[in-house]
């Protein structure tokens, strides 16, 4: 029997996560009280990322294209402000994403 819950290893611990939204190569999972969006952030090459988002950003993404654009633009700015490169992979999918 297939379930939406999966177990992953995060920072050396086994944690449960649940896929709660998926569309067009993007998916959102919940781990405890935190939400993470997984997506290909590359422009000309594949760049898989997993970044934490708020509950409000989750709702914006689910609302449609305009909300998705706004969230990803803000997310890129947030990643840059943390001194990270938003076009550098930080996650590797183990199977299809966004199905």
C-alpha atoms as a PDB file:
ATOM      1  CA  UNK A   1       0.000   0.000   0.000  1.00  0.00           C
ATOM      2  CA  UNK A   2       1.402   3.397  -1.036  1.00  0.00           C
ATOM      3  CA  UNK A   3       1.277   6.252   1.432  1.00  0.00           C
ATOM      4  CA  UNK A   4       2.054   9.975   1.165  1.00  0.00           C
ATOM      5  CA  UNK A   5       4.388   9.644   4.148  1.00  0.00           C
ATOM      6  CA  UNK A   6       8.043   8.932   3.612  1.00  0.00           C
ATOM      7  CA  UNK A   7      10.979   8.697   5.941  1.00  0.00           C
ATOM      8  CA  UNK A   8      14.234  10.483   5.201  1.00  0.00           C
ATOM      9  CA  UNK A   9      17.523  11.026   6.965  1.00  0.00           C
ATOM     10  CA  UNK A  10      18.002  14.672   7.910  1.00  0.00           C
ATOM     11  CA  UNK A  11      21.011  15.798   9.914  1.00  0.00           C
ATOM     12  CA  UNK A  12      21.679  12.213  10.964  1.00  0.00           C
ATOM     13  CA  UNK A  13      18.128  11.533  12.199  1.00  0.00           C
ATOM     14  CA  UNK A  14      15.275   9.618  10.585  1.00  0.00           C
ATOM     15  CA  UNK A  15      12.337  11.976  10.148  1.00  0.00           C
ATOM     16  CA  UNK A  16       8.885  11.599   8.658  1.00  0.00           C
ATOM     17  CA  UNK A  17       7.716  13.870   5.882  1.00  0.00           C
ATOM     18  CA  UNK A  18       4.490  14.116   3.914  1.00  0.00           C
ATOM     19  CA  UNK A  19       4.102  15.369   0.366  1.00  0.00           C
ATOM     20  CA  UNK A  20       1.244  17.874   0.478  1.00  0.00           C
ATOM     21  CA  UNK A  21       1.379  19.534  -2.943  1.00  0.00           C
ATOM     22  CA  UNK A  22       2.899  18.734  -6.329  1.00  0.00           C
ATOM     23  CA  UNK A  23       2.657  20.431  -9.713  1.00  0.00           C
ATOM     24  CA  UNK A  24       4.861  20.764 -12.817  1.00  0.00           C
ATOM     25  CA  UNK A  25       8.147  19.513 -11.388  1.00  0.00           C
ATOM     26  CA  UNK A  26       7.689  21.172  -8.003  1.00  0.00           C
ATOM     27  CA  UNK A  27       6.574  19.619  -4.755  1.00  0.00           C
ATOM     28  CA  UNK A  28       5.999  20.749  -1.201  1.00  0.00           C
ATOM     29  CA  UNK A  29       6.576  18.493   1.775  1.00  0.00           C
ATOM     30  CA  UNK A  30       5.863  18.942   5.467  1.00  0.00           C
ATOM     31  CA  UNK A  31       8.326  17.826   8.136  1.00  0.00           C
ATOM     32  CA  UNK A  32       6.879  18.430  11.577  1.00  0.00           C
ATOM     33  CA  UNK A  33       5.652  22.037  11.519  1.00  0.00           C
ATOM     34  CA  UNK A  34       7.972  23.114   8.682  1.00  0.00           C
ATOM     35  CA  UNK A  35       7.241  23.278   4.949  1.00  0.00           C
ATOM     36  CA  UNK A  36       9.837  22.744   2.228  1.00  0.00           C
ATOM     37  CA  UNK A  37       9.518  23.394  -1.502  1.00  0.00           C
ATOM     38  CA  UNK A  38      11.519  21.197  -3.891  1.00  0.00           C
ATOM     39  CA  UNK A  39      12.133  22.488  -7.393  1.00  0.00           C
ATOM     40  CA  UNK A  40      14.577  22.843 -10.263  1.00  0.00           C
ATOM     41  CA  UNK A  41      16.017  26.327  -9.755  1.00  0.00           C
ATOM     42  CA  UNK A  42      18.418  26.192 -12.695  1.00  0.00           C
ATOM     43  CA  UNK A  43      18.133  28.423 -15.715  1.00  0.00           C
ATOM     44  CA  UNK A  44      20.252  26.572 -18.281  1.00  0.00           C
ATOM     45  CA  UNK A  45      21.174  23.523 -16.230  1.00  0.00           C
ATOM     46  CA  UNK A  46      19.448  21.314 -13.681  1.00  0.00           C
ATOM     47  CA  UNK A  47      19.759  22.757 -10.179  1.00  0.00           C
ATOM     48  CA  UNK A  48      17.622  20.857  -7.659  1.00  0.00           C
ATOM     49  CA  UNK A  49      16.836  22.802  -4.509  1.00  0.00           C
ATOM     50  CA  UNK A  50      14.896  22.234  -1.323  1.00  0.00           C
ATOM     51  CA  UNK A  51      14.147  25.407   0.628  1.00  0.00           C
ATOM     52  CA  UNK A  52      11.978  26.133   3.632  1.00  0.00           C
ATOM     53  CA  UNK A  53       8.867  28.252   3.109  1.00  0.00           C
ATOM     54  CA  UNK A  54       6.192  29.620   5.430  1.00  0.00           C
ATOM     55  CA  UNK A  55       2.579  28.476   5.647  1.00  0.00           C
ATOM     56  CA  UNK A  56       1.582  31.762   3.960  1.00  0.00           C
ATOM     57  CA  UNK A  57       3.986  31.090   1.076  1.00  0.00           C
ATOM     58  CA  UNK A  58       2.532  27.588   0.743  1.00  0.00           C
ATOM     59  CA  UNK A  59      -0.944  29.095   0.348  1.00  0.00           C
ATOM     60  CA  UNK A  60       0.346  31.589  -2.245  1.00  0.00           C
ATOM     61  CA  UNK A  61       1.892  28.774  -4.291  1.00  0.00           C
ATOM     62  CA  UNK A  62      -1.338  26.784  -4.170  1.00  0.00           C
ATOM     63  CA  UNK A  63      -3.319  29.865  -5.286  1.00  0.00           C
ATOM     64  CA  UNK A  64      -1.770  29.925  -8.763  1.00  0.00           C
ATOM     65  CA  UNK A  65       0.927  31.203 -11.081  1.00  0.00           C
ATOM     66  CA  UNK A  66       1.104  34.758  -9.756  1.00  0.00           C
ATOM     67  CA  UNK A  67       1.531  33.510  -6.201  1.00  0.00           C
ATOM     68  CA  UNK A  68       4.151  30.989  -7.321  1.00  0.00           C
ATOM     69  CA  UNK A  69       6.131  33.709  -9.104  1.00  0.00           C
ATOM     70  CA  UNK A  70       5.996  36.019  -6.082  1.00  0.00           C
ATOM     71  CA  UNK A  71       7.080  33.278  -3.680  1.00  0.00           C
ATOM     72  CA  UNK A  72       9.986  32.104  -5.831  1.00  0.00           C
ATOM     73  CA  UNK A  73      11.202  35.674  -6.388  1.00  0.00           C
ATOM     74  CA  UNK A  74      11.115  36.348  -2.629  1.00  0.00           C
ATOM     75  CA  UNK A  75      12.745  32.970  -1.955  1.00  0.00           C
ATOM     76  CA  UNK A  76      15.639  33.758  -4.317  1.00  0.00           C
ATOM     77  CA  UNK A  77      16.181  37.114  -2.599  1.00  0.00           C
ATOM     78  CA  UNK A  78      16.096  35.413   0.814  1.00  0.00           C
ATOM     79  CA  UNK A  79      18.636  32.782  -0.282  1.00  0.00           C
ATOM     80  CA  UNK A  80      20.974  35.495  -1.612  1.00  0.00           C
ATOM     81  CA  UNK A  81      20.615  37.527   1.598  1.00  0.00           C
ATOM     82  CA  UNK A  82      21.810  34.432   3.509  1.00  0.00           C
ATOM     83  CA  UNK A  83      24.955  34.385   1.368  1.00  0.00           C
ATOM     84  CA  UNK A  84      23.916  31.319  -0.626  1.00  0.00           C
ATOM     85  CA  UNK A  85      23.747  30.828  -4.374  1.00  0.00           C
ATOM     86  CA  UNK A  86      20.120  30.163  -5.436  1.00  0.00           C
ATOM     87  CA  UNK A  87      21.417  28.470  -8.597  1.00  0.00           C
ATOM     88  CA  UNK A  88      23.465  25.870  -6.740  1.00  0.00           C
ATOM     89  CA  UNK A  89      21.900  22.493  -5.941  1.00  0.00           C
ATOM     90  CA  UNK A  90      21.305  21.663  -2.284  1.00  0.00           C
ATOM     91  CA  UNK A  91      19.108  18.569  -2.736  1.00  0.00           C
ATOM     92  CA  UNK A  92      19.109  15.426  -4.869  1.00  0.00           C
ATOM     93  CA  UNK A  93      15.789  13.782  -5.790  1.00  0.00           C
ATOM     94  CA  UNK A  94      15.555  10.023  -5.345  1.00  0.00           C
ATOM     95  CA  UNK A  95      12.671   9.725  -7.801  1.00  0.00           C
ATOM     96  CA  UNK A  96      10.303  11.783  -9.941  1.00  0.00           C
ATOM     97  CA  UNK A  97       9.436  15.241  -8.578  1.00  0.00           C
ATOM     98  CA  UNK A  98       6.060  16.938  -8.859  1.00  0.00           C
ATOM     99  CA  UNK A  99       3.902  13.923  -9.636  1.00  0.00           C
END
